[in-house]
């Protein structure tokens, strides 16, 4: 009896974890997905309460840094709302939130705190950044490792003949 193997779809990398027979794409439990939704809700809710009112209650132009930061955080809050509907697709937002806050805490707040030079404004920012522990706790780090660090990346160039969706 002869076995026939089917080739991977056109353009797919046969060694790719998503098409290989031995590797199943990682899945997340419904409990984990709903836990991620809690993280997105905390992110969007916190930003809605603290940053969104600043957009509507301005009598003067924004200083460059403050305006940039405020609008960046408002955009993150809007994206976090998308995370309520698409929690798995928005995982990079959780990673970004964790990365910038941990880096800021280590590079800015920690040296000031250890030198006993933390001013009240920096202390306020550090306090709000410490809430990152919630985001870190709800982020599916094994999934992040499997999907973004261990999986093969997208191809840089076309392999094989081009296939057009318009061809009969």
C-alpha atoms as a PDB file:
ATOM      1  CA  UNK A   1       0.000   0.000   0.000  1.00  0.00           C
ATOM      2  CA  UNK A   2       1.367   3.333  -1.040  1.00  0.00           C
ATOM      3  CA  UNK A   3       0.961   6.438   1.110  1.00  0.00           C
ATOM      4  CA  UNK A   4       0.541   9.778  -0.537  1.00  0.00           C
ATOM      5  CA  UNK A   5       1.538  12.937   1.200  1.00  0.00           C
ATOM      6  CA  UNK A   6      -0.093  16.161   0.237  1.00  0.00           C
ATOM      7  CA  UNK A   7       2.211  19.120  -0.319  1.00  0.00           C
ATOM      8  CA  UNK A   8       1.760  22.250   1.749  1.00  0.00           C
ATOM      9  CA  UNK A   9      -0.289  25.085   0.240  1.00  0.00           C
ATOM     10  CA  UNK A  10       1.411  27.195  -2.431  1.00  0.00           C
ATOM     11  CA  UNK A  11       3.777  29.705  -0.900  1.00  0.00           C
ATOM     12  CA  UNK A  12       3.857  27.895   2.445  1.00  0.00           C
ATOM     13  CA  UNK A  13       7.151  26.937   3.986  1.00  0.00           C
ATOM     14  CA  UNK A  14       7.134  23.138   4.478  1.00  0.00           C
ATOM     15  CA  UNK A  15       9.329  23.538   7.569  1.00  0.00           C
ATOM     16  CA  UNK A  16       6.991  26.108   9.067  1.00  0.00           C
ATOM     17  CA  UNK A  17       5.503  25.140  12.410  1.00  0.00           C
ATOM     18  CA  UNK A  18       2.056  26.075  11.188  1.00  0.00           C
ATOM     19  CA  UNK A  19       2.189  23.678   8.215  1.00  0.00           C
ATOM     20  CA  UNK A  20       4.420  20.908   9.577  1.00  0.00           C
ATOM     21  CA  UNK A  21       2.745  17.660  10.566  1.00  0.00           C
ATOM     22  CA  UNK A  22       4.517  17.452  13.897  1.00  0.00           C
ATOM     23  CA  UNK A  23       3.757  20.948  15.156  1.00  0.00           C
ATOM     24  CA  UNK A  24       0.278  22.113  16.071  1.00  0.00           C
ATOM     25  CA  UNK A  25      -0.256  25.844  16.378  1.00  0.00           C
ATOM     26  CA  UNK A  26      -0.564  26.672  20.060  1.00  0.00           C
ATOM     27  CA  UNK A  27      -4.074  27.132  21.353  1.00  0.00           C
ATOM     28  CA  UNK A  28      -5.297  29.074  24.329  1.00  0.00           C
ATOM     29  CA  UNK A  29      -8.041  27.965  26.667  1.00  0.00           C
ATOM     30  CA  UNK A  30     -11.225  29.989  26.965  1.00  0.00           C
ATOM     31  CA  UNK A  31     -10.229  30.759  30.562  1.00  0.00           C
ATOM     32  CA  UNK A  32      -6.912  32.223  29.362  1.00  0.00           C
ATOM     33  CA  UNK A  33      -8.625  34.209  26.600  1.00  0.00           C
ATOM     34  CA  UNK A  34     -11.115  35.670  29.087  1.00  0.00           C
ATOM     35  CA  UNK A  35      -8.258  36.473  31.467  1.00  0.00           C
ATOM     36  CA  UNK A  36      -6.634  38.408  28.614  1.00  0.00           C
ATOM     37  CA  UNK A  37      -9.912  40.277  28.157  1.00  0.00           C
ATOM     38  CA  UNK A  38      -9.649  41.384  31.782  1.00  0.00           C
ATOM     39  CA  UNK A  39      -6.212  42.815  30.990  1.00  0.00           C
ATOM     40  CA  UNK A  40      -7.532  44.661  27.938  1.00  0.00           C
ATOM     41  CA  UNK A  41     -10.454  45.973  29.987  1.00  0.00           C
ATOM     42  CA  UNK A  42      -8.124  47.289  32.706  1.00  0.00           C
ATOM     43  CA  UNK A  43      -5.881  48.904  30.074  1.00  0.00           C
ATOM     44  CA  UNK A  44      -8.711  50.553  28.154  1.00  0.00           C
ATOM     45  CA  UNK A  45     -10.635  51.535  31.283  1.00  0.00           C
ATOM     46  CA  UNK A  46      -7.611  53.044  32.993  1.00  0.00           C
ATOM     47  CA  UNK A  47      -6.639  55.016  29.911  1.00  0.00           C
ATOM     48  CA  UNK A  48     -10.234  56.131  29.307  1.00  0.00           C
ATOM     49  CA  UNK A  49     -10.471  57.501  32.844  1.00  0.00           C
ATOM     50  CA  UNK A  50      -7.028  59.128  32.990  1.00  0.00           C
ATOM     51  CA  UNK A  51      -6.153  60.193  29.428  1.00  0.00           C
ATOM     52  CA  UNK A  52      -9.303  60.608  27.358  1.00  0.00           C
ATOM     53  CA  UNK A  53     -10.662  63.546  29.398  1.00  0.00           C
ATOM     54  CA  UNK A  54      -7.417  65.424  28.697  1.00  0.00           C
ATOM     55  CA  UNK A  55      -8.286  65.506  24.990  1.00  0.00           C
ATOM     56  CA  UNK A  56     -11.484  67.462  25.550  1.00  0.00           C
ATOM     57  CA  UNK A  57     -10.523  69.688  28.445  1.00  0.00           C
ATOM     58  CA  UNK A  58      -7.722  71.792  26.904  1.00  0.00           C
ATOM     59  CA  UNK A  59      -7.629  75.563  26.757  1.00  0.00           C
ATOM     60  CA  UNK A  60      -4.085  75.849  25.407  1.00  0.00           C
ATOM     61  CA  UNK A  61      -1.973  73.970  22.842  1.00  0.00           C
ATOM     62  CA  UNK A  62      -0.193  70.829  23.964  1.00  0.00           C
ATOM     63  CA  UNK A  63       3.549  70.888  24.620  1.00  0.00           C
ATOM     64  CA  UNK A  64       5.129  68.516  22.090  1.00  0.00           C
ATOM     65  CA  UNK A  65       6.079  65.694  24.467  1.00  0.00           C
ATOM     66  CA  UNK A  66       2.879  65.792  26.530  1.00  0.00           C
ATOM     67  CA  UNK A  67       0.635  65.902  23.456  1.00  0.00           C
ATOM     68  CA  UNK A  68       2.485  63.046  21.793  1.00  0.00           C
ATOM     69  CA  UNK A  69       2.328  60.912  24.924  1.00  0.00           C
ATOM     70  CA  UNK A  70      -1.352  61.636  25.576  1.00  0.00           C
ATOM     71  CA  UNK A  71      -2.434  60.731  22.045  1.00  0.00           C
ATOM     72  CA  UNK A  72      -0.235  57.626  21.960  1.00  0.00           C
ATOM     73  CA  UNK A  73      -1.856  56.399  25.172  1.00  0.00           C
ATOM     74  CA  UNK A  74      -5.366  57.211  23.922  1.00  0.00           C
ATOM     75  CA  UNK A  75      -4.641  55.183  20.767  1.00  0.00           C
ATOM     76  CA  UNK A  76      -3.425  52.300  22.950  1.00  0.00           C
ATOM     77  CA  UNK A  77      -6.681  52.497  24.891  1.00  0.00           C
ATOM     78  CA  UNK A  78      -8.676  52.260  21.667  1.00  0.00           C
ATOM     79  CA  UNK A  79      -6.619  49.260  20.556  1.00  0.00           C
ATOM     80  CA  UNK A  80      -7.177  47.665  23.969  1.00  0.00           C
ATOM     81  CA  UNK A  81     -10.911  47.947  23.297  1.00  0.00           C
ATOM     82  CA  UNK A  82     -10.310  45.862  20.162  1.00  0.00           C
ATOM     83  CA  UNK A  83      -8.604  43.354  22.427  1.00  0.00           C
ATOM     84  CA  UNK A  84     -11.937  42.726  24.134  1.00  0.00           C
ATOM     85  CA  UNK A  85     -13.284  41.390  20.848  1.00  0.00           C
ATOM     86  CA  UNK A  86     -10.070  39.891  19.431  1.00  0.00           C
ATOM     87  CA  UNK A  87      -7.921  39.013  22.448  1.00  0.00           C
ATOM     88  CA  UNK A  88      -5.544  36.649  20.650  1.00  0.00           C
ATOM     89  CA  UNK A  89      -5.007  38.899  17.631  1.00  0.00           C
ATOM     90  CA  UNK A  90      -4.155  41.808  19.927  1.00  0.00           C
ATOM     91  CA  UNK A  91      -1.507  39.945  21.977  1.00  0.00           C
ATOM     92  CA  UNK A  92       1.272  42.197  20.587  1.00  0.00           C
ATOM     93  CA  UNK A  93      -0.429  45.108  22.362  1.00  0.00           C
ATOM     94  CA  UNK A  94      -0.028  43.315  25.694  1.00  0.00           C
ATOM     95  CA  UNK A  95       3.628  42.658  24.885  1.00  0.00           C
ATOM     96  CA  UNK A  96       4.182  46.302  23.915  1.00  0.00           C
ATOM     97  CA  UNK A  97       2.481  47.526  27.102  1.00  0.00           C
ATOM     98  CA  UNK A  98       4.629  45.215  29.219  1.00  0.00           C
ATOM     99  CA  UNK A  99       7.846  46.083  27.379  1.00  0.00           C
ATOM    100  CA  UNK A 100       7.661  49.870  27.532  1.00  0.00           C
ATOM    101  CA  UNK A 101       6.569  49.963  31.157  1.00  0.00           C
ATOM    102  CA  UNK A 102       9.179  47.490  32.387  1.00  0.00           C
ATOM    103  CA  UNK A 103      11.914  49.271  30.408  1.00  0.00           C
ATOM    104  CA  UNK A 104      10.832  52.674  31.754  1.00  0.00           C
ATOM    105  CA  UNK A 105      10.716  51.384  35.313  1.00  0.00           C
ATOM    106  CA  UNK A 106      14.186  49.844  35.016  1.00  0.00           C
ATOM    107  CA  UNK A 107      15.880  52.655  33.068  1.00  0.00           C
ATOM    108  CA  UNK A 108      14.226  55.744  34.551  1.00  0.00           C
ATOM    109  CA  UNK A 109      12.455  55.068  37.841  1.00  0.00           C
ATOM    110  CA  UNK A 110      14.815  52.504  39.379  1.00  0.00           C
ATOM    111  CA  UNK A 111      17.991  54.642  39.184  1.00  0.00           C
ATOM    112  CA  UNK A 112      16.157  57.662  40.620  1.00  0.00           C
ATOM    113  CA  UNK A 113      14.583  55.591  43.367  1.00  0.00           C
ATOM    114  CA  UNK A 114      17.866  53.915  44.377  1.00  0.00           C
ATOM    115  CA  UNK A 115      19.620  57.321  44.436  1.00  0.00           C
ATOM    116  CA  UNK A 116      16.738  58.728  46.532  1.00  0.00           C
ATOM    117  CA  UNK A 117      16.111  61.407  43.864  1.00  0.00           C
ATOM    118  CA  UNK A 118      12.570  60.532  42.788  1.00  0.00           C
ATOM    119  CA  UNK A 119      10.404  63.639  42.466  1.00  0.00           C
ATOM    120  CA  UNK A 120       6.610  63.511  42.963  1.00  0.00           C
ATOM    121  CA  UNK A 121       5.814  63.535  39.203  1.00  0.00           C
ATOM    122  CA  UNK A 122       8.143  60.620  38.495  1.00  0.00           C
ATOM    123  CA  UNK A 123       6.773  58.813  41.523  1.00  0.00           C
ATOM    124  CA  UNK A 124       3.218  59.184  40.172  1.00  0.00           C
ATOM    125  CA  UNK A 125       4.215  57.794  36.777  1.00  0.00           C
ATOM    126  CA  UNK A 126       6.116  54.932  38.422  1.00  0.00           C
ATOM    127  CA  UNK A 127       3.072  54.073  40.545  1.00  0.00           C
ATOM    128  CA  UNK A 128       0.837  53.845  37.484  1.00  0.00           C
ATOM    129  CA  UNK A 129       3.480  51.880  35.564  1.00  0.00           C
ATOM    130  CA  UNK A 130       3.677  49.334  38.376  1.00  0.00           C
ATOM    131  CA  UNK A 131       0.179  48.232  37.363  1.00  0.00           C
ATOM    132  CA  UNK A 132       1.981  46.467  34.519  1.00  0.00           C
ATOM    133  CA  UNK A 133       2.051  43.413  36.796  1.00  0.00           C
ATOM    134  CA  UNK A 134      -1.592  42.848  35.807  1.00  0.00           C
ATOM    135  CA  UNK A 135      -0.750  42.934  32.098  1.00  0.00           C
ATOM    136  CA  UNK A 136       2.255  40.665  32.639  1.00  0.00           C
ATOM    137  CA  UNK A 137       0.051  38.214  34.546  1.00  0.00           C
ATOM    138  CA  UNK A 138      -2.632  37.978  31.833  1.00  0.00           C
ATOM    139  CA  UNK A 139      -0.231  37.800  28.868  1.00  0.00           C
ATOM    140  CA  UNK A 140       0.111  34.227  27.531  1.00  0.00           C
ATOM    141  CA  UNK A 141       3.920  34.224  27.495  1.00  0.00           C
ATOM    142  CA  UNK A 142       4.264  30.639  26.245  1.00  0.00           C
ATOM    143  CA  UNK A 143       2.039  31.561  23.284  1.00  0.00           C
ATOM    144  CA  UNK A 144       4.153  34.678  22.665  1.00  0.00           C
ATOM    145  CA  UNK A 145       7.310  32.552  22.708  1.00  0.00           C
ATOM    146  CA  UNK A 146       5.852  29.935  20.346  1.00  0.00           C
ATOM    147  CA  UNK A 147       4.206  32.362  17.905  1.00  0.00           C
ATOM    148  CA  UNK A 148       6.670  35.241  17.772  1.00  0.00           C
ATOM    149  CA  UNK A 149      10.086  33.902  18.722  1.00  0.00           C
ATOM    150  CA  UNK A 150      10.203  30.197  17.829  1.00  0.00           C
ATOM    151  CA  UNK A 151       7.919  30.064  14.774  1.00  0.00           C
ATOM    152  CA  UNK A 152       9.326  30.748  11.341  1.00  0.00           C
ATOM    153  CA  UNK A 153       8.779  34.281  10.136  1.00  0.00           C
ATOM    154  CA  UNK A 154       6.971  35.319   7.006  1.00  0.00           C
ATOM    155  CA  UNK A 155       8.980  34.936   3.770  1.00  0.00           C
ATOM    156  CA  UNK A 156      11.035  37.862   2.505  1.00  0.00           C
ATOM    157  CA  UNK A 157      10.604  36.960  -1.162  1.00  0.00           C
ATOM    158  CA  UNK A 158       8.364  34.892  -3.407  1.00  0.00           C
ATOM    159  CA  UNK A 159       9.280  31.234  -3.843  1.00  0.00           C
ATOM    160  CA  UNK A 160       7.914  29.367  -6.792  1.00  0.00           C
ATOM    161  CA  UNK A 161       5.491  30.648  -9.404  1.00  0.00           C
ATOM    162  CA  UNK A 162       3.198  33.520  -8.562  1.00  0.00           C
ATOM    163  CA  UNK A 163      -0.456  32.657  -8.272  1.00  0.00           C
ATOM    164  CA  UNK A 164      -3.025  35.323  -8.968  1.00  0.00           C
ATOM    165  CA  UNK A 165      -6.495  35.251  -7.513  1.00  0.00           C
ATOM    166  CA  UNK A 166      -7.746  36.636 -10.843  1.00  0.00           C
ATOM    167  CA  UNK A 167      -6.482  33.703 -12.933  1.00  0.00           C
ATOM    168  CA  UNK A 168      -9.096  31.085 -13.920  1.00  0.00           C
END
